[in-house]
PDB file of N, CA and C in Angstrom:
ATOM      1  N   UNK A   1     142.991 116.176 113.391  1.00  0.00           N
ATOM      2  CA  UNK A   1     142.934 114.781 113.676  1.00  0.00           C
ATOM      3  C   UNK A   1     143.179 114.007 112.384  1.00  0.00           C
ATOM      4  N   UNK A   2     143.898 112.921 112.471  1.00  0.00           N
ATOM      5  CA  UNK A   2     144.221 112.138 111.296  1.00  0.00           C
ATOM      6  C   UNK A   2     144.081 110.659 111.626  1.00  0.00           C
ATOM      7  N   UNK A   3     143.302 109.949 110.800  1.00  0.00           N
ATOM      8  CA  UNK A   3     143.201 108.504 110.977  1.00  0.00           C
ATOM      9  C   UNK A   3     144.468 107.907 110.391  1.00  0.00           C
ATOM     10  N   UNK A   4     145.229 107.174 111.195  1.00  0.00           N
ATOM     11  CA  UNK A   4     146.499 106.664 110.704  1.00  0.00           C
ATOM     12  C   UNK A   4     146.448 105.187 110.332  1.00  0.00           C
ATOM     13  N   UNK A   5     145.479 104.448 110.840  1.00  0.00           N
ATOM     14  CA  UNK A   5     145.347 103.057 110.449  1.00  0.00           C
ATOM     15  C   UNK A   5     143.985 102.550 110.876  1.00  0.00           C
ATOM     16  N   UNK A   6     143.387 101.706 110.055  1.00  0.00           N
ATOM     17  CA  UNK A   6     142.079 101.158 110.370  1.00  0.00           C
ATOM     18  C   UNK A   6     142.055  99.685 110.003  1.00  0.00           C
ATOM     19  N   UNK A   7     141.451  98.885 110.841  1.00  0.00           N
ATOM     20  CA  UNK A   7     141.128  97.510 110.496  1.00  0.00           C
ATOM     21  C   UNK A   7     139.649  97.337 110.801  1.00  0.00           C
ATOM     22  N   UNK A   8     139.155  96.147 110.678  1.00  0.00           N
ATOM     23  CA  UNK A   8     137.723  95.935 110.885  1.00  0.00           C
ATOM     24  C   UNK A   8     137.272  96.308 112.291  1.00  0.00           C
ATOM     25  N   UNK A   9     138.098  96.031 113.287  1.00  0.00           N
ATOM     26  CA  UNK A   9     137.693  96.242 114.682  1.00  0.00           C
ATOM     27  C   UNK A   9     138.489  97.312 115.423  1.00  0.00           C
ATOM     28  N   UNK A  10     139.580  97.775 114.847  1.00  0.00           N
ATOM     29  CA  UNK A  10     140.456  98.727 115.534  1.00  0.00           C
ATOM     30  C   UNK A  10     140.643  99.965 114.660  1.00  0.00           C
ATOM     31  N   UNK A  11     140.539 101.137 115.278  1.00  0.00           N
ATOM     32  CA  UNK A  11     140.809 102.402 114.591  1.00  0.00           C
ATOM     33  C   UNK A  11     141.870 103.137 115.398  1.00  0.00           C
ATOM     34  N   UNK A  12     142.928 103.553 114.736  1.00  0.00           N
ATOM     35  CA  UNK A  12     143.978 104.352 115.363  1.00  0.00           C
ATOM     36  C   UNK A  12     143.899 105.764 114.797  1.00  0.00           C
ATOM     37  N   UNK A  13     143.954 106.750 115.694  1.00  0.00           N
ATOM     38  CA  UNK A  13     143.814 108.147 115.305  1.00  0.00           C
ATOM     39  C   UNK A  13     144.938 108.958 115.944  1.00  0.00           C
ATOM     40  N   UNK A  14     145.552 109.836 115.161  1.00  0.00           N
ATOM     41  CA  UNK A  14     146.537 110.779 115.679  1.00  0.00           C
ATOM     42  C   UNK A  14     145.857 112.142 115.782  1.00  0.00           C
ATOM     43  N   UNK A  15     146.033 112.814 116.912  1.00  0.00           N
ATOM     44  CA  UNK A  15     145.414 114.126 117.115  1.00  0.00           C
ATOM     45  C   UNK A  15     146.428 115.079 117.723  1.00  0.00           C
ATOM     46  N   UNK A  16     146.279 116.366 117.388  1.00  0.00           N
ATOM     47  CA  UNK A  16     147.133 117.379 118.004  1.00  0.00           C
ATOM     48  C   UNK A  16     146.308 118.632 118.255  1.00  0.00           C
ATOM     49  N   UNK A  17     146.717 119.372 119.272  1.00  0.00           N
ATOM     50  CA  UNK A  17     146.062 120.630 119.634  1.00  0.00           C
ATOM     51  C   UNK A  17     147.117 121.729 119.575  1.00  0.00           C
ATOM     52  N   UNK A  18     146.787 122.808 118.881  1.00  0.00           N
ATOM     53  CA  UNK A  18     147.698 123.953 118.779  1.00  0.00           C
ATOM     54  C   UNK A  18     147.027 125.190 119.350  1.00  0.00           C
ATOM     55  N   UNK A  19     147.850 126.047 119.929  1.00  0.00           N
ATOM     56  CA  UNK A  19     147.359 127.315 120.447  1.00  0.00           C
ATOM     57  C   UNK A  19     148.396 128.375 120.135  1.00  0.00           C
ATOM     58  N   UNK A  20     147.953 129.460 119.543  1.00  0.00           N
ATOM     59  CA  UNK A  20     148.872 130.537 119.192  1.00  0.00           C
ATOM     60  C   UNK A  20     149.962 130.088 118.227  1.00  0.00           C
ATOM     61  N   UNK A  21     149.628 129.137 117.354  1.00  0.00           N
ATOM     62  CA  UNK A  21     150.586 128.660 116.376  1.00  0.00           C
ATOM     63  C   UNK A  21     151.586 127.639 116.907  1.00  0.00           C
ATOM     64  N   UNK A  22     151.476 127.289 118.187  1.00  0.00           N
ATOM     65  CA  UNK A  22     152.378 126.326 118.804  1.00  0.00           C
ATOM     66  C   UNK A  22     151.619 125.045 119.140  1.00  0.00           C
ATOM     67  N   UNK A  23     152.196 123.919 118.772  1.00  0.00           N
ATOM     68  CA  UNK A  23     151.577 122.648 119.147  1.00  0.00           C
ATOM     69  C   UNK A  23     151.790 122.433 120.644  1.00  0.00           C
ATOM     70  N   UNK A  24     150.691 122.226 121.376  1.00  0.00           N
ATOM     71  CA  UNK A  24     150.811 122.061 122.826  1.00  0.00           C
ATOM     72  C   UNK A  24     150.413 120.668 123.292  1.00  0.00           C
ATOM     73  N   UNK A  25     149.839 119.862 122.408  1.00  0.00           N
ATOM     74  CA  UNK A  25     149.448 118.515 122.805  1.00  0.00           C
ATOM     75  C   UNK A  25     149.385 117.640 121.568  1.00  0.00           C
ATOM     76  N   UNK A  26     149.911 116.446 121.673  1.00  0.00           N
ATOM     77  CA  UNK A  26     149.840 115.472 120.587  1.00  0.00           C
ATOM     78  C   UNK A  26     149.609 114.099 121.213  1.00  0.00           C
ATOM     79  N   UNK A  27     148.731 113.305 120.607  1.00  0.00           N
ATOM     80  CA  UNK A  27     148.452 111.974 121.146  1.00  0.00           C
ATOM     81  C   UNK A  27     147.990 111.038 120.037  1.00  0.00           C
ATOM     82  N   UNK A  28     148.222 109.770 120.250  1.00  0.00           N
ATOM     83  CA  UNK A  28     147.686 108.714 119.397  1.00  0.00           C
ATOM     84  C   UNK A  28     146.636 107.969 120.212  1.00  0.00           C
ATOM     85  N   UNK A  29     145.476 107.752 119.629  1.00  0.00           N
ATOM     86  CA  UNK A  29     144.390 107.044 120.291  1.00  0.00           C
ATOM     87  C   UNK A  29     144.078 105.767 119.519  1.00  0.00           C
ATOM     88  N   UNK A  30     143.738 104.726 120.239  1.00  0.00           N
ATOM     89  CA  UNK A  30     143.320 103.475 119.629  1.00  0.00           C
ATOM     90  C   UNK A  30     141.948 103.124 120.177  1.00  0.00           C
ATOM     91  N   UNK A  31     141.005 102.894 119.265  1.00  0.00           N
ATOM     92  CA  UNK A  31     139.636 102.562 119.638  1.00  0.00           C
ATOM     93  C   UNK A  31     139.280 101.180 119.129  1.00  0.00           C
ATOM     94  N   UNK A  32     138.638 100.379 119.969  1.00  0.00           N
ATOM     95  CA  UNK A  32     138.099  99.087 119.555  1.00  0.00           C
ATOM     96  C   UNK A  32     136.626  99.274 119.225  1.00  0.00           C
ATOM     97  N   UNK A  33     136.235  98.855 118.033  1.00  0.00           N
ATOM     98  CA  UNK A  33     134.838  98.942 117.623  1.00  0.00           C
ATOM     99  C   UNK A  33     134.205  97.590 117.948  1.00  0.00           C
ATOM    100  N   UNK A  34     133.400  97.556 118.978  1.00  0.00           N
ATOM    101  CA  UNK A  34     132.825  96.301 119.468  1.00  0.00           C
ATOM    102  C   UNK A  34     131.456  96.032 118.879  1.00  0.00           C
ATOM    103  N   UNK A  35     131.133  94.766 118.766  1.00  0.00           N
ATOM    104  CA  UNK A  35     129.764  94.377 118.455  1.00  0.00           C
ATOM    105  C   UNK A  35     128.908  94.615 119.692  1.00  0.00           C
ATOM    106  N   UNK A  36     127.617  94.650 119.514  1.00  0.00           N
ATOM    107  CA  UNK A  36     126.717  94.943 120.627  1.00  0.00           C
ATOM    108  C   UNK A  36     126.884  93.932 121.763  1.00  0.00           C
ATOM    109  N   UNK A  37     126.965  92.674 121.425  1.00  0.00           N
ATOM    110  CA  UNK A  37     127.084  91.635 122.454  1.00  0.00           C
ATOM    111  C   UNK A  37     128.383  91.792 123.252  1.00  0.00           C
ATOM    112  N   UNK A  38     129.488  92.048 122.558  1.00  0.00           N
ATOM    113  CA  UNK A  38     130.777  92.231 123.228  1.00  0.00           C
ATOM    114  C   UNK A  38     130.762  93.478 124.119  1.00  0.00           C
ATOM    115  N   UNK A  39     130.153  94.555 123.644  1.00  0.00           N
ATOM    116  CA  UNK A  39     130.069  95.783 124.439  1.00  0.00           C
ATOM    117  C   UNK A  39     129.259  95.540 125.714  1.00  0.00           C
ATOM    118  N   UNK A  40     128.162  94.813 125.593  1.00  0.00           N
ATOM    119  CA  UNK A  40     127.335  94.521 126.767  1.00  0.00           C
ATOM    120  C   UNK A  40     128.077  93.627 127.755  1.00  0.00           C
ATOM    121  N   UNK A  41     128.865  92.677 127.250  1.00  0.00           N
ATOM    122  CA  UNK A  41     129.664  91.836 128.144  1.00  0.00           C
ATOM    123  C   UNK A  41     130.709  92.664 128.869  1.00  0.00           C
ATOM    124  N   UNK A  42     131.360  93.569 128.159  1.00  0.00           N
ATOM    125  CA  UNK A  42     132.379  94.423 128.756  1.00  0.00           C
ATOM    126  C   UNK A  42     131.784  95.320 129.837  1.00  0.00           C
ATOM    127  N   UNK A  43     130.603  95.876 129.567  1.00  0.00           N
ATOM    128  CA  UNK A  43     129.957  96.788 130.506  1.00  0.00           C
ATOM    129  C   UNK A  43     129.207  96.057 131.620  1.00  0.00           C
ATOM    130  N   UNK A  44     128.864  94.798 131.386  1.00  0.00           N
ATOM    131  CA  UNK A  44     128.116  94.040 132.390  1.00  0.00           C
ATOM    132  C   UNK A  44     126.640  94.386 132.433  1.00  0.00           C
ATOM    133  N   UNK A  45     126.132  95.025 131.394  1.00  0.00           N
ATOM    134  CA  UNK A  45     124.721  95.416 131.325  1.00  0.00           C
ATOM    135  C   UNK A  45     124.359  95.690 129.868  1.00  0.00           C
ATOM    136  N   UNK A  46     123.092  95.862 129.599  1.00  0.00           N
ATOM    137  CA  UNK A  46     122.648  96.218 128.249  1.00  0.00           C
ATOM    138  C   UNK A  46     123.098  97.629 127.912  1.00  0.00           C
ATOM    139  N   UNK A  47     123.446  97.839 126.641  1.00  0.00           N
ATOM    140  CA  UNK A  47     123.808  99.197 126.243  1.00  0.00           C
ATOM    141  C   UNK A  47     122.533  99.978 125.927  1.00  0.00           C
ATOM    142  N   UNK A  48     122.556 101.283 126.115  1.00  0.00           N
ATOM    143  CA  UNK A  48     121.394 102.096 125.781  1.00  0.00           C
ATOM    144  C   UNK A  48     121.092 102.036 124.276  1.00  0.00           C
ATOM    145  N   UNK A  49     119.842 102.107 123.921  1.00  0.00           N
ATOM    146  CA  UNK A  49     119.425 102.045 122.513  1.00  0.00           C
ATOM    147  C   UNK A  49     120.114 103.126 121.669  1.00  0.00           C
ATOM    148  N   UNK A  50     120.397 104.285 122.260  1.00  0.00           N
ATOM    149  CA  UNK A  50     121.049 105.376 121.525  1.00  0.00           C
ATOM    150  C   UNK A  50     122.475 105.008 121.100  1.00  0.00           C
ATOM    151  N   UNK A  51     123.076 104.006 121.711  1.00  0.00           N
ATOM    152  CA  UNK A  51     124.442 103.610 121.403  1.00  0.00           C
ATOM    153  C   UNK A  51     124.506 102.565 120.297  1.00  0.00           C
ATOM    154  N   UNK A  52     123.390 102.027 119.875  1.00  0.00           N
ATOM    155  CA  UNK A  52     123.372 100.984 118.840  1.00  0.00           C
ATOM    156  C   UNK A  52     124.162 101.396 117.601  1.00  0.00           C
ATOM    157  N   UNK A  53     124.092 102.652 117.223  1.00  0.00           N
ATOM    158  CA  UNK A  53     124.772 103.110 116.008  1.00  0.00           C
ATOM    159  C   UNK A  53     126.295 103.058 116.121  1.00  0.00           C
ATOM    160  N   UNK A  54     126.824 102.937 117.335  1.00  0.00           N
ATOM    161  CA  UNK A  54     128.269 102.861 117.533  1.00  0.00           C
ATOM    162  C   UNK A  54     128.790 101.437 117.512  1.00  0.00           C
ATOM    163  N   UNK A  55     127.907 100.466 117.459  1.00  0.00           N
ATOM    164  CA  UNK A  55     128.300  99.055 117.456  1.00  0.00           C
ATOM    165  C   UNK A  55     128.377  98.547 116.021  1.00  0.00           C
ATOM    166  N   UNK A  56     129.229  97.539 115.814  1.00  0.00           N
ATOM    167  CA  UNK A  56     129.255  96.950 114.486  1.00  0.00           C
ATOM    168  C   UNK A  56     128.251  95.839 114.410  1.00  0.00           C
TER     169      UNK A  56
END
């Protein structure tokens, strides 16, 4: 996995899976790092206390 770009709220990651020396899957993922309030609005409910560490 390789982080290819980061900003304050967005993280882009490139990942690949190989088996037997052959690449069989490659993907780019983009994640939004939300504040607690924004995450709760998106979900429509309070986030679990265990998720606090994932919020900015």
